[in-house]
Structure formats: structure tokens, C-alpha cells
Amino acid sequence: MKLFWKRFLRCGAAGWLWECTWSGIWSFFQKDYLLTCRTSLWMFPIYGLACLVCPIYSCIKKRCVLFRGFVYAIVIFIGEYLTGSILKRHSVCPWSYDHAKLNINGIIRLDYLPAWMVAGLMFERIVLKTGCESPSCPQEDGKEK
């Protein structure tokens, strides 16, 4: 359990840092030369959930990096949609993609797929640095030994 919280805190902090960097860079293109970044306290636990990469990784670790990135992006989309829906229901969702062409209910942007693939692989590196002693994938357990 202690390892879970260590991973959770690392992923939450990394996600916050990446979001600040991303939104700060975006500010430059909006002619905000203070490079103001924007995030929310709600985002820390959402990014923290990336620590769940470990059990997913145990099932896909032998696959190529593009496949793993794609799987992580799909999981991130699902997590973003679920958490965004809950927060939106309570009028506290810190993001809105209503303006984007490829959005689903203003909660996720499909054109962010490449960015979420990279983010997922970065979270994988963070989680693996703490050791991923997750049990093997259920499919592997069914094999005769």
C-alpha cells in the first residue's frame, strides 16, 4: 500500500508539472508573455491515478512502444471522460473542450491521442522507477507451467 501512495504522489506531481508546462507554453501562443499556466487542485488526484499503469504494464510489457502508448492513451481517455463527467455534473470540471472539433461531450479531445500516448509512456517510466512488482497478467496465469 505504501508503494501505491508513493507512485500516486509521483504521478500526481508529474502530471501537474506537465500541465503547467503545457499550458504555460500555450500561453505564449496566446501572446501571454508571462507564460501563465493554469491547472486545478482537482487535477492532482486525477493525474495520480496514472499509478495504475503498473498492472496494465504487466499485461503489455512485451509489446512495442507504440502499442503500449496507444493502450495508455485509451485508458487515459476513459479516465478523463469518467472524471470529467463527474466533475462536470457538479459544475467543477476544470477543462472544457467544447470549442474543439474532435471533442466528445466537451470532456475529451480525440486529437490529443498522440499527447496522451506520450504522457502514458512517461507515466510508465515514473511507475517503473519504483519497481513494478505487479502480479503477472491474468492471461499469463492461465498458462501451463
C-alpha atoms as a PDB file:
ATOM      1  CA  MET A   1       0.000   0.000   0.000  1.00  0.00           C
ATOM      2  CA  LYS A   2       2.898   2.348   0.776  1.00  0.00           C
ATOM      3  CA  LEU A   3       4.245   1.812  -2.749  1.00  0.00           C
ATOM      4  CA  PHE A   4       0.837   2.690  -4.223  1.00  0.00           C
ATOM      5  CA  TRP A   5       0.845   6.075  -2.442  1.00  0.00           C
ATOM      6  CA  LYS A   6       4.443   6.743  -3.475  1.00  0.00           C
ATOM      7  CA  ARG A   7       3.511   6.126  -7.115  1.00  0.00           C
ATOM      8  CA  PHE A   8       0.281   8.102  -6.726  1.00  0.00           C
ATOM      9  CA  LEU A   9       2.152  11.154  -5.381  1.00  0.00           C
ATOM     10  CA  ARG A  10       4.841  10.938  -8.068  1.00  0.00           C
ATOM     11  CA  CYS A  11       2.294  10.653 -10.878  1.00  0.00           C
ATOM     12  CA  GLY A  12       0.145  13.444  -9.436  1.00  0.00           C
ATOM     13  CA  ALA A  13       3.135  15.783  -9.155  1.00  0.00           C
ATOM     14  CA  ALA A  14       4.449  14.883 -12.614  1.00  0.00           C
ATOM     15  CA  GLY A  15       1.020  15.410 -14.188  1.00  0.00           C
ATOM     16  CA  TRP A  16       0.686  18.795 -12.534  1.00  0.00           C
ATOM     17  CA  LEU A  17       4.155  19.800 -13.738  1.00  0.00           C
ATOM     18  CA  TRP A  18       3.423  18.690 -17.296  1.00  0.00           C
ATOM     19  CA  GLU A  19       0.085  20.508 -17.274  1.00  0.00           C
ATOM     20  CA  CYS A  20       1.728  23.719 -16.056  1.00  0.00           C
ATOM     21  CA  THR A  21       4.400  23.385 -18.729  1.00  0.00           C
ATOM     22  CA  TRP A  22       1.844  22.638 -21.467  1.00  0.00           C
ATOM     23  CA  SER A  23      -0.498  25.485 -20.519  1.00  0.00           C
ATOM     24  CA  GLY A  24       2.432  27.870 -19.997  1.00  0.00           C
ATOM     25  CA  ILE A  25       3.739  27.162 -23.491  1.00  0.00           C
ATOM     26  CA  TRP A  26       0.212  27.576 -24.869  1.00  0.00           C
ATOM     27  CA  SER A  27       0.063  30.987 -23.155  1.00  0.00           C
ATOM     28  CA  PHE A  28       2.989  32.124 -25.291  1.00  0.00           C
ATOM     29  CA  PHE A  29       0.990  31.424 -28.456  1.00  0.00           C
ATOM     30  CA  GLN A  30      -1.904  33.396 -26.970  1.00  0.00           C
ATOM     31  CA  LYS A  31       0.522  36.345 -26.568  1.00  0.00           C
ATOM     32  CA  ASP A  32       0.627  35.970 -22.791  1.00  0.00           C
ATOM     33  CA  TYR A  33       4.349  36.536 -22.375  1.00  0.00           C
ATOM     34  CA  LEU A  34       4.132  35.955 -18.629  1.00  0.00           C
ATOM     35  CA  LEU A  35       3.679  32.307 -19.689  1.00  0.00           C
ATOM     36  CA  THR A  36       0.845  31.926 -17.226  1.00  0.00           C
ATOM     37  CA  CYS A  37      -0.030  28.323 -16.546  1.00  0.00           C
ATOM     38  CA  ARG A  38      -3.406  27.073 -15.441  1.00  0.00           C
ATOM     39  CA  THR A  39      -4.393  23.975 -13.513  1.00  0.00           C
ATOM     40  CA  SER A  40      -6.679  22.908 -10.688  1.00  0.00           C
ATOM     41  CA  LEU A  41      -6.323  21.048  -7.413  1.00  0.00           C
ATOM     42  CA  TRP A  42      -8.747  18.501  -8.890  1.00  0.00           C
ATOM     43  CA  MET A  43      -6.064  17.511 -11.360  1.00  0.00           C
ATOM     44  CA  PHE A  44      -3.611  16.151  -8.789  1.00  0.00           C
ATOM     45  CA  PRO A  45      -5.645  13.058  -7.862  1.00  0.00           C
ATOM     46  CA  ILE A  46      -6.666  12.577 -11.488  1.00  0.00           C
ATOM     47  CA  TYR A  47      -3.027  12.503 -12.587  1.00  0.00           C
ATOM     48  CA  GLY A  48      -2.214  10.450  -9.506  1.00  0.00           C
ATOM     49  CA  LEU A  49      -4.425   7.679 -10.855  1.00  0.00           C
ATOM     50  CA  ALA A  50      -1.783   7.149 -13.546  1.00  0.00           C
ATOM     51  CA  CYS A  51      -0.043   4.993 -10.943  1.00  0.00           C
ATOM     52  CA  LEU A  52      -2.446   2.295 -12.132  1.00  0.00           C
ATOM     53  CA  VAL A  53      -0.147   1.928 -15.147  1.00  0.00           C
ATOM     54  CA  CYS A  54       1.647  -0.830 -13.235  1.00  0.00           C
ATOM     55  CA  PRO A  55      -0.988  -3.582 -13.591  1.00  0.00           C
ATOM     56  CA  ILE A  56      -1.590  -2.567 -17.205  1.00  0.00           C
ATOM     57  CA  TYR A  57       2.129  -2.642 -17.921  1.00  0.00           C
ATOM     58  CA  SER A  58       2.404  -6.189 -16.589  1.00  0.00           C
ATOM     59  CA  CYS A  59      -0.011  -7.284 -19.353  1.00  0.00           C
ATOM     60  CA  ILE A  60       1.561  -5.350 -22.237  1.00  0.00           C
ATOM     61  CA  LYS A  61       5.262  -5.044 -21.299  1.00  0.00           C
ATOM     62  CA  LYS A  62       6.386  -7.303 -24.145  1.00  0.00           C
ATOM     63  CA  ARG A  63       4.542  -5.264 -26.778  1.00  0.00           C
ATOM     64  CA  CYS A  64       6.096  -2.474 -28.839  1.00  0.00           C
ATOM     65  CA  VAL A  65       6.200   1.088 -27.541  1.00  0.00           C
ATOM     66  CA  LEU A  66       3.522   2.339 -29.999  1.00  0.00           C
ATOM     67  CA  PHE A  67       1.089  -0.338 -28.857  1.00  0.00           C
ATOM     68  CA  ARG A  68       1.732   0.420 -25.178  1.00  0.00           C
ATOM     69  CA  GLY A  69       1.344   4.161 -25.832  1.00  0.00           C
ATOM     70  CA  PHE A  70      -1.948   3.551 -27.633  1.00  0.00           C
ATOM     71  CA  VAL A  71      -3.284   1.401 -24.781  1.00  0.00           C
ATOM     72  CA  TYR A  72      -2.295   4.051 -22.230  1.00  0.00           C
ATOM     73  CA  ALA A  73      -3.957   6.780 -24.323  1.00  0.00           C
ATOM     74  CA  ILE A  74      -7.214   4.806 -24.450  1.00  0.00           C
ATOM     75  CA  VAL A  75      -7.082   4.271 -20.673  1.00  0.00           C
ATOM     76  CA  ILE A  76      -6.376   7.997 -20.193  1.00  0.00           C
ATOM     77  CA  PHE A  77      -9.347   8.871 -22.422  1.00  0.00           C
ATOM     78  CA  ILE A  78     -11.583   6.617 -20.334  1.00  0.00           C
ATOM     79  CA  GLY A  79     -10.272   8.100 -17.084  1.00  0.00           C
ATOM     80  CA  GLU A  80     -10.562  11.650 -18.406  1.00  0.00           C
ATOM     81  CA  TYR A  81     -14.114  11.015 -19.572  1.00  0.00           C
ATOM     82  CA  LEU A  82     -15.228   9.424 -16.302  1.00  0.00           C
ATOM     83  CA  THR A  83     -13.622  12.011 -14.019  1.00  0.00           C
ATOM     84  CA  GLY A  84     -14.636  14.874 -16.309  1.00  0.00           C
ATOM     85  CA  SER A  85     -18.245  13.673 -16.354  1.00  0.00           C
ATOM     86  CA  ILE A  86     -18.364  13.511 -12.551  1.00  0.00           C
ATOM     87  CA  LEU A  87     -16.768  16.944 -12.151  1.00  0.00           C
ATOM     88  CA  LYS A  88     -18.969  18.451 -14.877  1.00  0.00           C
ATOM     89  CA  ARG A  89     -22.092  17.097 -13.154  1.00  0.00           C
ATOM     90  CA  HIS A  90     -21.052  19.134 -10.096  1.00  0.00           C
ATOM     91  CA  SER A  91     -20.039  22.193 -12.199  1.00  0.00           C
ATOM     92  CA  VAL A  92     -16.375  21.949 -11.142  1.00  0.00           C
ATOM     93  CA  CYS A  93     -14.727  20.456 -14.238  1.00  0.00           C
ATOM     94  CA  PRO A  94     -11.541  22.500 -14.772  1.00  0.00           C
ATOM     95  CA  TRP A  95     -11.415  21.855 -18.516  1.00  0.00           C
ATOM     96  CA  SER A  96     -13.796  22.220 -21.418  1.00  0.00           C
ATOM     97  CA  TYR A  97     -13.139  21.098 -24.966  1.00  0.00           C
ATOM     98  CA  ASP A  98     -16.470  22.334 -26.336  1.00  0.00           C
ATOM     99  CA  HIS A  99     -14.615  24.558 -28.815  1.00  0.00           C
ATOM    100  CA  ALA A 100     -12.559  21.690 -30.313  1.00  0.00           C
ATOM    101  CA  LYS A 101     -13.705  19.855 -33.426  1.00  0.00           C
ATOM    102  CA  LEU A 102     -12.839  16.367 -32.241  1.00  0.00           C
ATOM    103  CA  ASN A 103     -14.380  16.506 -28.774  1.00  0.00           C
ATOM    104  CA  ILE A 104     -16.746  14.116 -27.052  1.00  0.00           C
ATOM    105  CA  ASN A 105     -19.234  15.984 -24.849  1.00  0.00           C
ATOM    106  CA  GLY A 106     -16.610  18.688 -24.322  1.00  0.00           C
ATOM    107  CA  ILE A 107     -14.767  16.324 -21.974  1.00  0.00           C
ATOM    108  CA  ILE A 108     -12.165  14.616 -24.154  1.00  0.00           C
ATOM    109  CA  ARG A 109     -10.359  15.616 -27.345  1.00  0.00           C
ATOM    110  CA  LEU A 110      -9.572  12.804 -29.736  1.00  0.00           C
ATOM    111  CA  ASP A 111      -6.846  14.895 -31.400  1.00  0.00           C
ATOM    112  CA  TYR A 112      -4.923  14.665 -28.105  1.00  0.00           C
ATOM    113  CA  LEU A 113      -4.291  10.957 -28.776  1.00  0.00           C
ATOM    114  CA  PRO A 114      -0.564  11.443 -29.580  1.00  0.00           C
ATOM    115  CA  ALA A 115      -0.048  13.631 -26.497  1.00  0.00           C
ATOM    116  CA  TRP A 116      -1.762  11.058 -24.261  1.00  0.00           C
ATOM    117  CA  MET A 117       0.329   8.273 -25.811  1.00  0.00           C
ATOM    118  CA  VAL A 118       3.494  10.143 -24.843  1.00  0.00           C
ATOM    119  CA  ALA A 119       2.112  11.009 -21.401  1.00  0.00           C
ATOM    120  CA  GLY A 120       1.195   7.372 -20.782  1.00  0.00           C
ATOM    121  CA  LEU A 121       4.701   6.244 -21.669  1.00  0.00           C
ATOM    122  CA  MET A 122       6.162   8.929 -19.409  1.00  0.00           C
ATOM    123  CA  PHE A 123       3.941   7.740 -16.552  1.00  0.00           C
ATOM    124  CA  GLU A 124       5.141   4.202 -17.313  1.00  0.00           C
ATOM    125  CA  ARG A 125       8.751   5.337 -16.756  1.00  0.00           C
ATOM    126  CA  ILE A 126       7.820   7.037 -13.465  1.00  0.00           C
ATOM    127  CA  VAL A 127       5.994   3.974 -12.173  1.00  0.00           C
ATOM    128  CA  LEU A 128       8.731   1.559 -13.262  1.00  0.00           C
ATOM    129  CA  LYS A 129      11.353   3.566 -11.354  1.00  0.00           C
ATOM    130  CA  THR A 130       9.637   2.491  -8.137  1.00  0.00           C
ATOM    131  CA  GLY A 131       9.627  -1.132  -9.276  1.00  0.00           C
ATOM    132  CA  CYS A 132       6.566  -2.731 -10.765  1.00  0.00           C
ATOM    133  CA  GLU A 133       6.015  -5.819  -8.646  1.00  0.00           C
ATOM    134  CA  SER A 134       2.511  -6.187 -10.013  1.00  0.00           C
ATOM    135  CA  PRO A 135       1.287  -9.754 -10.416  1.00  0.00           C
ATOM    136  CA  SER A 136       1.503 -11.131 -13.905  1.00  0.00           C
ATOM    137  CA  CYS A 137      -1.271 -10.577 -16.387  1.00  0.00           C
ATOM    138  CA  PRO A 138      -4.289 -12.868 -15.847  1.00  0.00           C
ATOM    139  CA  GLN A 139      -3.772 -14.300 -19.344  1.00  0.00           C
ATOM    140  CA  GLU A 140      -0.245 -15.366 -18.389  1.00  0.00           C
ATOM    141  CA  ASP A 141      -1.521 -17.026 -15.203  1.00  0.00           C
ATOM    142  CA  GLY A 142      -3.634 -19.438 -17.221  1.00  0.00           C
ATOM    143  CA  LYS A 143      -0.603 -20.926 -18.991  1.00  0.00           C
ATOM    144  CA  GLU A 144       0.626 -24.359 -18.007  1.00  0.00           C
ATOM    145  CA  LYS A 145       3.896 -24.288 -16.120  1.00  0.00           C
END
